[in-house]
Amino acid sequence: MKIVILGAGQVGSSVAYNLAWEANDITLIDTDVSVLRELQDRLDIRTVVGHAAYPEVLRRAGAEDADMILAVTNSDEVNMVACQVAYTLFHTPTKIARVRSVEYLRHRKLFAQEALPIDVIISPEQLVTEYIQRLIEHPGALQVLDFADGRVRLVAVRAYYGGPLVGHELRTLQEHMPNAQARVAAIFRRGQPMIPEGNTVIEADDEVFFLAARENIRAVMGELRRLDKPIKRIMLVGGGNIGMRLAKSLEHDYQVKLIEHNTQRARDIAEQLDKVIVLLGDGADEDLLIEENIDNTDVFCALTNDDEANILSAMLAKRLGARKVMSLINRTSYVELVESGTIDIAISPQQATIGSLLKHVRRGDVVMVHSLRRGAAEAIEAIAHGDSRSSKVVGRCVEDIKLPPGTTIGAVVRGDEVIIAHHDTVIQQEDHVIMFLVDKKRITEVERLFQVGLTFI
């Protein structure tokens, strides 16, 4: 696929990195020559220096025969105008734009084909907000990802000593929970992936990914670790787009405090929120945290634009007694470093965003993609089309489908029914099939499985 990416910031670079490894023809536009040179040295991509919305710059980047324009610069206005130019002058089939401002997003009529012709709007702030909300909803989870409009969730947890299933074979899960169907999709032990079998024994400290219907998540988590108490008190640091959105979405269900260092911004936030206590100050101020009972806080979440400030304030909060601390981290190199230490969960906006972009690049009818393990693994939801003659999956049992090594089918959604996949589960036409790939390099083989052959009428 020929893709032109506008903007070489955190999101643009991350997307280029992910897509370049999948044999796509990538061209990246930015005004910063040094950033483009560095990316070109590391990746097999073309780069063009210039303003992303200028027609001549887009022409030099190959917009005339591009399959997709992906506008992810730091300016909403540049992204929107670039999509308009691509549509009007180059008839680009798919136009995706990052739009962050709520002022634009609340007026969906703006993005109709006859107005601003944007096919897909990506709002990283909204995606990160929803991601954190799911983590708060499931205390103890490392990741919580939605499939089939939230009916199925993929949850990552760390197995603890004392969990009923720890030290036992996976096949005993069904004996423990006869009424709550679940499937362990993958296990990462000391950083290395394992494909789970019935006789696989869960060990303490394993990172376990399992699929289950939304209502069964808590029961399955209870098999792997001692369940955390429900969350009541939350402290947020940073009143930017993410902090503000998160506070607004949580204020009616939890006791929320928000720390913001800018006086005017703190005042504006206080006026817009009903129940949130807005505090003027520094999230790394030890006296302020102690005064605001940090030791009774269930979740502390550092959400400023400064990675270092987020890391330090989260580490301080943990030392002062916060039960769980999360930190928003833009720099990818920091994420793994941070999660191996004091901080419970490092939240990467790039990882939260990349899946919503990848699903528009995947061949076959792929409706959801989640990037996992810092891009090494992937979970996808694909729709099975065709019949037993034209499809490699329809009409076949799971055990008869030639899945690439390291790929497991975890669940099937058929209408409103969630079916946890077993070896004898038969895939039917229009089923939503949810798969886990421990090696993302196998994605093209999975895509081919879900492409309909020429015999389909």
Protein backbone atom coordinates (compact mmCIF):
# COMPACT_ATOMS: atom_id res chain seq x y z
CA MET A 1 0.00 0.00 0.00
CA LYS A 2 1.31 3.49 -0.85
CA ILE A 3 0.90 5.76 2.18
CA VAL A 4 1.87 9.41 2.65
CA ILE A 5 2.32 10.39 6.31
CA LEU A 6 2.18 14.07 7.20
CA GLY A 7 4.13 14.93 10.35
CA ALA A 8 7.19 13.20 11.80
CA GLY A 9 6.30 13.76 15.46
CA GLN A 10 5.79 10.96 18.00
CA VAL A 11 2.69 9.55 16.29
CA GLY A 12 3.92 9.97 12.70
CA SER A 13 7.31 8.40 13.46
CA SER A 14 5.69 5.52 15.35
CA VAL A 15 3.27 4.80 12.49
CA ALA A 16 6.06 5.00 9.91
CA TYR A 17 8.13 2.55 11.95
CA ASN A 18 5.23 0.08 12.22
CA LEU A 19 4.20 0.28 8.57
CA ALA A 20 7.68 0.29 7.03
CA TRP A 21 8.30 -3.22 8.38
CA GLU A 22 5.22 -4.49 6.55
CA ALA A 23 6.38 -3.86 2.99
CA ASN A 24 4.34 -0.67 2.56
CA ASP A 25 5.58 2.19 0.38
CA ILE A 26 5.92 5.02 2.93
CA THR A 27 6.64 8.70 2.30
CA LEU A 28 6.96 11.03 5.29
CA ILE A 29 6.55 14.83 5.09
CA ASP A 30 7.85 17.25 7.73
CA THR A 31 9.52 20.65 7.98
CA ASP A 32 12.33 19.37 10.24
CA VAL A 33 15.22 18.18 8.05
CA SER A 34 17.20 16.60 10.92
CA VAL A 35 14.26 14.47 12.11
CA LEU A 36 13.58 13.23 8.58
CA ARG A 37 17.26 12.41 8.02
CA GLU A 38 17.40 10.40 11.23
CA LEU A 39 14.25 8.43 10.33
CA GLN A 40 15.50 7.76 6.80
CA ASP A 41 18.72 6.35 8.23
CA ARG A 42 16.74 3.87 10.35
CA LEU A 43 13.80 3.01 8.09
CA ASP A 44 13.27 2.14 4.44
CA ILE A 45 11.11 5.18 3.65
CA ARG A 46 11.09 8.27 1.43
CA THR A 47 11.07 11.72 3.04
CA VAL A 48 9.99 15.11 1.74
CA VAL A 49 10.81 18.41 3.42
CA GLY A 50 8.01 20.95 3.35
CA HIS A 51 4.66 22.20 4.66
CA ALA A 52 2.31 19.22 4.81
CA ALA A 53 -0.76 21.01 3.39
CA TYR A 54 0.91 22.63 0.37
CA PRO A 55 -0.24 21.07 -2.94
CA GLU A 56 3.26 21.03 -4.44
CA VAL A 57 4.73 19.32 -1.37
CA LEU A 58 2.00 16.66 -1.49
CA ARG A 59 2.63 16.20 -5.21
CA ARG A 60 6.37 15.66 -4.59
CA ALA A 61 5.44 13.10 -1.93
CA GLY A 62 3.45 11.10 -4.49
CA ALA A 63 -0.09 12.02 -3.41
CA GLU A 64 -1.32 11.61 -7.00
CA ASP A 65 -1.15 7.82 -6.78
CA ALA A 66 -1.22 7.32 -2.99
CA ASP A 67 -3.74 4.91 -1.48
CA MET A 68 -3.87 6.80 1.81
CA ILE A 69 -3.02 10.18 3.33
CA LEU A 70 -2.35 10.07 7.06
CA ALA A 71 -2.28 13.61 8.48
CA VAL A 72 -0.84 13.56 12.01
CA THR A 73 0.99 16.89 12.33
CA ASN A 74 0.66 18.84 15.59
CA SER A 75 -1.81 21.24 13.95
CA ASP A 76 -5.48 20.28 13.55
CA GLU A 77 -5.85 22.94 10.88
CA VAL A 78 -2.93 21.70 8.79
CA ASN A 79 -4.26 18.13 9.01
CA MET A 80 -7.75 19.16 7.89
CA VAL A 81 -6.57 21.35 5.02
CA ALA A 82 -4.14 18.65 3.83
CA CYS A 83 -7.04 16.17 3.57
CA GLN A 84 -9.06 18.74 1.64
CA VAL A 85 -6.17 19.30 -0.80
CA ALA A 86 -5.61 15.54 -1.19
CA TYR A 87 -9.31 15.03 -1.97
CA THR A 88 -9.71 18.00 -4.34
CA LEU A 89 -6.48 17.80 -6.32
CA PHE A 90 -5.37 14.18 -6.06
CA HIS A 91 -8.58 12.19 -5.36
CA THR A 92 -6.81 10.22 -2.62
CA PRO A 93 -9.11 7.28 -1.68
CA THR A 94 -8.54 7.26 2.09
CA LYS A 95 -7.84 10.34 4.19
CA ILE A 96 -7.14 10.01 7.92
CA ALA A 97 -6.53 13.04 10.13
CA ARG A 98 -5.58 13.60 13.73
CA VAL A 99 -7.98 16.17 15.21
CA ARG A 100 -7.48 17.00 18.88
CA SER A 101 -9.61 20.07 19.56
CA VAL A 102 -12.99 19.34 21.12
CA GLU A 103 -14.27 22.50 19.40
CA TYR A 104 -13.97 20.71 16.05
CA LEU A 105 -14.90 17.23 17.22
CA ARG A 106 -18.26 18.24 18.64
CA HIS A 107 -19.40 19.34 15.14
CA ARG A 108 -19.33 16.12 13.12
CA LYS A 109 -21.01 17.79 10.13
CA LEU A 110 -17.67 19.50 9.45
CA PHE A 111 -16.18 16.20 8.32
CA ALA A 112 -18.74 15.22 5.67
CA GLN A 113 -17.44 14.65 2.13
CA GLU A 114 -19.05 17.88 0.92
CA ALA A 115 -17.36 19.87 3.72
CA LEU A 116 -13.96 18.66 5.02
CA PRO A 117 -13.58 15.26 3.30
CA ILE A 118 -11.91 13.27 6.07
CA ASP A 119 -12.72 9.55 6.10
CA VAL A 120 -11.37 8.75 9.57
CA ILE A 121 -10.73 11.09 12.49
CA ILE A 122 -8.14 10.04 15.06
CA SER A 123 -8.11 11.72 18.46
CA PRO A 124 -5.15 10.33 20.47
CA GLU A 125 -6.30 12.18 23.57
CA GLN A 126 -9.70 10.48 23.45
CA LEU A 127 -8.12 7.07 22.81
CA VAL A 128 -5.72 7.48 25.75
CA THR A 129 -8.60 8.67 27.98
CA GLU A 130 -10.66 5.56 27.14
CA TYR A 131 -7.60 3.35 27.65
CA ILE A 132 -7.01 4.72 31.17
CA GLN A 133 -10.72 4.44 31.98
CA ARG A 134 -10.63 0.71 31.19
CA LEU A 135 -7.57 0.23 33.42
CA ILE A 136 -9.38 1.98 36.28
CA GLU A 137 -12.47 -0.17 35.66
CA HIS A 138 -10.32 -3.32 36.04
CA PRO A 139 -7.90 -2.78 38.96
CA GLY A 140 -4.83 -5.01 38.63
CA ALA A 141 -4.87 -5.19 34.82
CA LEU A 142 -1.81 -4.12 32.81
CA GLN A 143 -3.81 -3.66 29.62
CA VAL A 144 -7.52 -3.80 28.77
CA LEU A 145 -8.46 -3.74 25.08
CA ASP A 146 -11.91 -3.82 23.48
CA PHE A 147 -13.16 -5.95 20.59
CA ALA A 148 -16.62 -6.30 19.02
CA ASP A 149 -17.81 -2.96 20.41
CA GLY A 150 -16.70 -3.87 23.92
CA ARG A 151 -18.43 -7.26 24.16
CA VAL A 152 -15.06 -9.05 24.24
CA ARG A 153 -11.98 -7.77 26.05
CA LEU A 154 -8.34 -8.79 25.89
CA VAL A 155 -6.81 -8.31 29.33
CA ALA A 156 -3.15 -8.56 30.35
CA VAL A 157 -2.40 -9.37 34.00
CA ARG A 158 0.69 -10.39 35.94
CA ALA A 159 0.16 -13.73 37.69
CA TYR A 160 0.88 -13.51 41.44
CA TYR A 161 1.77 -16.11 44.04
CA GLY A 162 -1.46 -17.29 45.63
CA GLY A 163 -3.62 -17.01 42.48
CA PRO A 164 -5.82 -20.17 42.25
CA LEU A 165 -4.52 -21.00 38.75
CA VAL A 166 -0.85 -20.23 39.46
CA GLY A 167 1.15 -23.46 39.57
CA HIS A 168 -1.61 -25.38 37.77
CA GLU A 169 -2.23 -26.41 34.17
CA LEU A 170 -4.37 -24.13 32.02
CA ARG A 171 -6.91 -26.90 31.40
CA THR A 172 -8.02 -26.56 35.05
CA LEU A 173 -9.37 -23.05 34.33
CA GLN A 174 -12.61 -24.56 33.05
CA GLU A 175 -12.99 -26.64 36.23
CA HIS A 176 -12.53 -23.55 38.41
CA MET A 177 -14.93 -21.45 36.32
CA PRO A 178 -17.54 -23.63 34.60
CA ASN A 179 -19.86 -20.67 33.97
CA ALA A 180 -17.33 -18.06 32.83
CA GLN A 181 -15.75 -18.92 29.49
CA ALA A 182 -12.27 -17.53 28.84
CA ARG A 183 -9.24 -18.29 26.69
CA VAL A 184 -5.61 -17.59 27.51
CA ALA A 185 -4.29 -16.20 24.21
CA ALA A 186 -0.61 -15.83 25.10
CA ILE A 187 1.85 -15.90 27.97
CA PHE A 188 5.05 -13.87 28.22
CA ARG A 189 7.54 -15.39 30.65
CA ARG A 190 10.66 -13.35 31.42
CA GLY A 191 9.87 -11.32 28.30
CA GLN A 192 9.65 -14.32 25.96
CA PRO A 193 6.35 -15.40 24.31
CA MET A 194 4.80 -18.82 24.92
CA ILE A 195 1.87 -20.31 23.01
CA PRO A 196 -0.41 -21.72 25.71
CA GLU A 197 -1.50 -25.37 25.57
CA GLY A 198 -3.79 -27.27 27.93
CA ASN A 199 -0.82 -28.60 29.87
CA THR A 200 0.95 -25.23 30.17
CA VAL A 201 1.55 -24.38 33.83
CA ILE A 202 1.09 -20.74 34.87
CA GLU A 203 4.01 -19.43 36.92
CA ALA A 204 4.12 -16.41 39.23
CA ASP A 205 5.25 -13.25 37.38
CA ASP A 206 3.99 -14.54 34.01
CA GLU A 207 2.33 -11.83 31.92
CA VAL A 208 -0.90 -13.51 30.87
CA PHE A 209 -3.14 -12.27 28.03
CA PHE A 210 -6.65 -13.68 28.11
CA LEU A 211 -9.85 -13.10 26.14
CA ALA A 212 -13.27 -13.18 27.78
CA ALA A 213 -16.71 -11.64 27.53
CA ARG A 214 -16.78 -8.29 29.31
CA GLU A 215 -18.88 -9.57 32.23
CA ASN A 216 -16.41 -12.41 32.98
CA ILE A 217 -13.20 -10.35 33.17
CA ARG A 218 -13.12 -9.90 36.94
CA ALA A 219 -13.73 -13.62 37.60
CA VAL A 220 -10.85 -14.65 35.34
CA MET A 221 -8.51 -12.09 36.90
CA GLY A 222 -9.33 -13.62 40.29
CA GLU A 223 -7.87 -16.93 39.06
CA LEU A 224 -4.50 -15.35 38.33
CA ARG A 225 -4.00 -12.91 41.20
CA ARG A 226 -5.55 -11.60 44.35
CA LEU A 227 -8.22 -9.14 43.24
CA ASP A 228 -7.52 -5.50 44.03
CA LYS A 229 -10.08 -3.52 45.99
CA PRO A 230 -12.41 -1.39 43.87
CA ILE A 231 -11.02 2.07 43.12
CA LYS A 232 -12.58 5.07 44.89
CA ARG A 233 -9.99 7.87 45.14
CA ILE A 234 -8.07 9.09 42.07
CA MET A 235 -5.48 11.86 41.78
CA LEU A 236 -4.55 13.27 38.37
CA VAL A 237 -1.61 15.55 37.59
CA GLY A 238 -1.87 17.76 34.52
CA GLY A 239 -4.93 19.60 33.27
CA GLY A 240 -4.19 19.37 29.56
CA ASN A 241 -6.47 17.73 27.01
CA ILE A 242 -6.06 14.23 28.45
CA GLY A 243 -6.22 15.25 32.12
CA MET A 244 -9.31 17.36 31.54
CA ARG A 245 -11.14 14.68 29.52
CA LEU A 246 -10.29 11.97 32.04
CA ALA A 247 -11.39 14.06 35.01
CA LYS A 248 -14.69 14.82 33.29
CA SER A 249 -15.34 11.15 32.48
CA LEU A 250 -14.51 9.97 36.03
CA GLU A 251 -15.98 12.67 38.25
CA HIS A 252 -19.43 11.12 38.75
CA ASP A 253 -18.15 7.64 39.68
CA TYR A 254 -15.03 8.38 41.73
CA GLN A 255 -13.56 10.95 44.12
CA VAL A 256 -11.20 12.84 41.79
CA LYS A 257 -8.54 15.45 42.54
CA LEU A 258 -6.63 17.19 39.75
CA ILE A 259 -3.35 19.09 40.22
CA GLU A 260 -2.53 21.82 37.67
CA HIS A 261 0.40 24.24 37.94
CA ASN A 262 -0.98 26.97 35.63
CA THR A 263 -3.26 29.39 37.51
CA GLN A 264 -5.52 30.34 34.59
CA ARG A 265 -5.82 26.75 33.37
CA ALA A 266 -6.68 25.55 36.88
CA ARG A 267 -9.39 28.20 37.12
CA ASP A 268 -10.84 27.23 33.70
CA ILE A 269 -10.90 23.52 34.63
CA ALA A 270 -12.59 24.23 37.98
CA GLU A 271 -15.36 26.11 36.17
CA GLN A 272 -15.99 23.26 33.72
CA LEU A 273 -16.03 20.36 36.19
CA ASP A 274 -18.79 19.73 38.74
CA LYS A 275 -17.28 17.42 41.34
CA VAL A 276 -13.52 17.37 40.76
CA ILE A 277 -11.35 19.12 43.35
CA VAL A 278 -8.87 21.23 41.34
CA LEU A 279 -5.59 22.02 43.13
CA LEU A 280 -3.10 24.67 42.03
CA GLY A 281 0.41 23.28 42.45
CA ASP A 282 3.18 20.94 41.35
CA GLY A 283 2.56 17.19 41.07
CA ALA A 284 6.06 16.55 42.43
CA ASP A 285 5.53 18.72 45.52
CA GLU A 286 5.91 16.26 48.41
CA ASP A 287 4.18 18.53 50.95
CA LEU A 288 1.17 19.01 48.66
CA LEU A 289 0.81 15.27 48.03
CA ILE A 290 1.01 14.47 51.76
CA GLU A 291 -1.47 17.24 52.56
CA GLU A 292 -3.90 15.78 49.99
CA ASN A 293 -3.67 12.26 51.54
CA ILE A 294 -1.65 10.57 48.84
CA ASP A 295 -1.35 7.51 51.10
CA ASN A 296 -5.13 7.00 50.78
CA THR A 297 -5.13 7.40 46.98
CA ASP A 298 -6.06 4.32 44.94
CA VAL A 299 -4.75 5.57 41.57
CA PHE A 300 -2.26 8.36 40.89
CA CYS A 301 -2.00 9.30 37.21
CA ALA A 302 0.65 11.74 35.89
CA LEU A 303 -0.57 13.20 32.58
CA THR A 304 1.49 16.31 31.82
CA ASN A 305 3.33 16.88 28.54
CA ASP A 306 6.69 16.38 30.27
CA ASP A 307 7.83 12.72 30.44
CA GLU A 308 10.44 13.36 33.12
CA ALA A 309 7.99 15.28 35.32
CA ASN A 310 5.44 12.46 34.96
CA ILE A 311 7.98 9.80 35.89
CA LEU A 312 9.30 11.68 38.93
CA SER A 313 5.88 12.62 40.30
CA ALA A 314 4.59 9.03 39.86
CA MET A 315 7.66 7.60 41.62
CA LEU A 316 7.23 10.08 44.48
CA ALA A 317 3.51 9.26 44.79
CA LYS A 318 4.32 5.54 44.98
CA ARG A 319 6.94 6.14 47.68
CA LEU A 320 4.43 8.19 49.66
CA GLY A 321 1.86 5.38 49.65
CA ALA A 322 -0.32 5.64 46.51
CA ARG A 323 -1.67 2.16 45.75
CA LYS A 324 -1.19 2.23 41.98
CA VAL A 325 0.66 4.81 39.88
CA MET A 326 0.45 5.40 36.14
CA SER A 327 2.57 7.71 34.03
CA LEU A 328 1.97 9.09 30.54
CA ILE A 329 5.19 8.63 28.57
CA ASN A 330 5.66 9.82 24.99
CA ARG A 331 9.26 8.71 24.53
CA THR A 332 9.12 5.04 23.54
CA SER A 333 12.59 4.28 24.92
CA TYR A 334 11.39 5.22 28.42
CA VAL A 335 8.36 2.91 28.51
CA GLU A 336 10.07 -0.44 29.10
CA LEU A 337 12.63 1.15 31.42
CA VAL A 338 9.92 2.68 33.60
CA GLU A 339 7.64 -0.39 33.83
CA SER A 340 10.48 -2.50 35.23
CA GLY A 341 10.74 -0.16 38.23
CA THR A 342 8.47 1.67 40.66
CA ILE A 343 5.77 2.76 38.23
CA ASP A 344 2.94 0.23 37.76
CA ILE A 345 1.80 1.20 34.26
CA ALA A 346 3.48 3.35 31.61
CA ILE A 347 0.90 4.72 29.18
CA SER A 348 2.19 5.26 25.65
CA PRO A 349 -0.06 7.48 23.47
CA GLN A 350 1.61 5.98 20.40
CA GLN A 351 0.67 2.41 21.39
CA ALA A 352 -2.88 3.51 22.22
CA THR A 353 -3.22 5.25 18.84
CA ILE A 354 -1.40 2.94 16.45
CA GLY A 355 -4.08 0.24 16.43
CA SER A 356 -6.81 2.60 15.29
CA LEU A 357 -4.60 3.52 12.32
CA LEU A 358 -3.41 0.01 11.48
CA LYS A 359 -6.94 -1.34 11.03
CA HIS A 360 -7.31 0.91 7.96
CA VAL A 361 -4.10 -0.45 6.44
CA ARG A 362 -4.75 -4.16 6.97
CA ARG A 363 -5.84 -6.22 3.96
CA GLY A 364 -8.93 -8.37 4.35
CA ASP A 365 -11.87 -7.11 6.41
CA VAL A 366 -10.01 -6.16 9.60
CA VAL A 367 -12.17 -4.06 11.92
CA MET A 368 -9.93 -3.72 14.99
CA VAL A 369 -6.20 -3.84 15.67
CA HIS A 370 -4.38 -3.46 18.97
CA SER A 371 -0.59 -3.19 19.10
CA LEU A 372 0.91 -5.00 22.10
CA ARG A 373 4.25 -5.50 23.81
CA ARG A 374 5.58 -2.21 22.40
CA GLY A 375 4.65 -3.19 18.84
CA ALA A 376 6.12 -6.72 18.80
CA ALA A 377 2.75 -8.49 19.15
CA GLU A 378 -0.70 -7.72 17.82
CA ALA A 379 -4.32 -8.61 18.47
CA ILE A 380 -6.75 -8.28 15.58
CA GLU A 381 -10.45 -8.69 14.88
CA ALA A 382 -11.24 -9.83 11.33
CA ILE A 383 -14.56 -10.68 9.67
CA ALA A 384 -14.80 -14.00 7.83
CA HIS A 385 -16.40 -13.68 4.36
CA GLY A 386 -17.16 -16.11 1.57
CA ASP A 387 -17.94 -19.81 1.83
CA SER A 388 -16.01 -23.06 2.26
CA ARG A 389 -14.81 -22.89 -1.39
CA SER A 390 -13.66 -19.29 -1.50
CA SER A 391 -12.46 -18.80 2.07
CA LYS A 392 -9.59 -20.42 3.95
CA VAL A 393 -11.47 -20.11 7.27
CA VAL A 394 -15.24 -20.30 6.68
CA GLY A 395 -16.68 -23.78 7.32
CA ARG A 396 -13.49 -24.99 8.98
CA CYS A 397 -12.74 -25.99 12.57
CA VAL A 398 -10.15 -23.89 14.37
CA GLU A 399 -7.77 -26.87 14.49
CA ASP A 400 -7.97 -27.23 10.67
CA ILE A 401 -7.14 -23.58 9.90
CA LYS A 402 -3.48 -23.20 8.87
CA LEU A 403 -2.58 -20.40 11.25
CA PRO A 404 0.97 -18.99 11.12
CA PRO A 405 3.25 -20.06 14.01
CA GLY A 406 2.60 -18.04 17.15
CA THR A 407 -0.99 -17.18 16.17
CA THR A 408 -4.03 -18.22 18.20
CA ILE A 409 -7.76 -17.74 17.64
CA GLY A 410 -9.14 -16.72 21.02
CA ALA A 411 -12.80 -15.86 20.46
CA VAL A 412 -15.51 -15.65 17.84
CA VAL A 413 -18.36 -13.13 17.96
CA ARG A 414 -21.46 -14.33 16.08
CA GLY A 415 -24.20 -11.73 16.16
CA ASP A 416 -24.65 -10.98 19.87
CA GLU A 417 -23.08 -14.26 20.96
CA VAL A 418 -19.51 -14.42 22.29
CA ILE A 419 -17.95 -17.87 21.64
CA ILE A 420 -14.62 -18.69 23.29
CA ALA A 421 -12.76 -20.63 20.59
CA HIS A 422 -11.88 -24.31 21.07
CA HIS A 423 -10.22 -26.74 18.64
CA ASP A 424 -13.62 -27.87 17.29
CA THR A 425 -15.21 -24.41 16.92
CA VAL A 426 -16.38 -23.97 13.30
CA ILE A 427 -16.00 -20.51 11.74
CA GLN A 428 -19.12 -19.31 9.95
CA GLN A 429 -19.71 -16.59 7.38
CA GLU A 430 -19.68 -13.05 8.91
CA ASP A 431 -18.15 -14.25 12.19
CA HIS A 432 -15.86 -11.73 13.89
CA VAL A 433 -12.69 -13.72 14.64
CA ILE A 434 -10.36 -12.38 17.34
CA MET A 435 -6.72 -13.48 17.07
CA PHE A 436 -3.49 -12.94 18.96
CA LEU A 437 -0.11 -12.84 17.15
CA VAL A 438 3.00 -13.05 19.29
CA ASP A 439 5.04 -12.20 16.17
CA LYS A 440 3.63 -9.24 14.24
CA LYS A 441 5.79 -10.12 11.23
CA ARG A 442 3.28 -12.90 10.49
CA ILE A 443 0.46 -10.41 9.90
CA THR A 444 0.51 -10.73 6.08
CA GLU A 445 -0.09 -14.49 6.40
CA VAL A 446 -3.10 -13.83 8.64
CA GLU A 447 -4.42 -11.21 6.21
CA ARG A 448 -4.27 -13.74 3.36
CA LEU A 449 -6.36 -16.19 5.39
CA PHE A 450 -9.22 -13.67 5.50
CA GLN A 451 -9.09 -12.59 1.87
CA VAL A 452 -11.83 -14.11 -0.26
CA GLY A 453 -10.70 -16.18 -3.29
CA LEU A 454 -11.84 -15.59 -6.86
CA THR A 455 -14.39 -18.39 -6.70
CA PHE A 456 -16.56 -16.30 -4.40
CA ILE A 457 -19.73 -15.18 -6.22
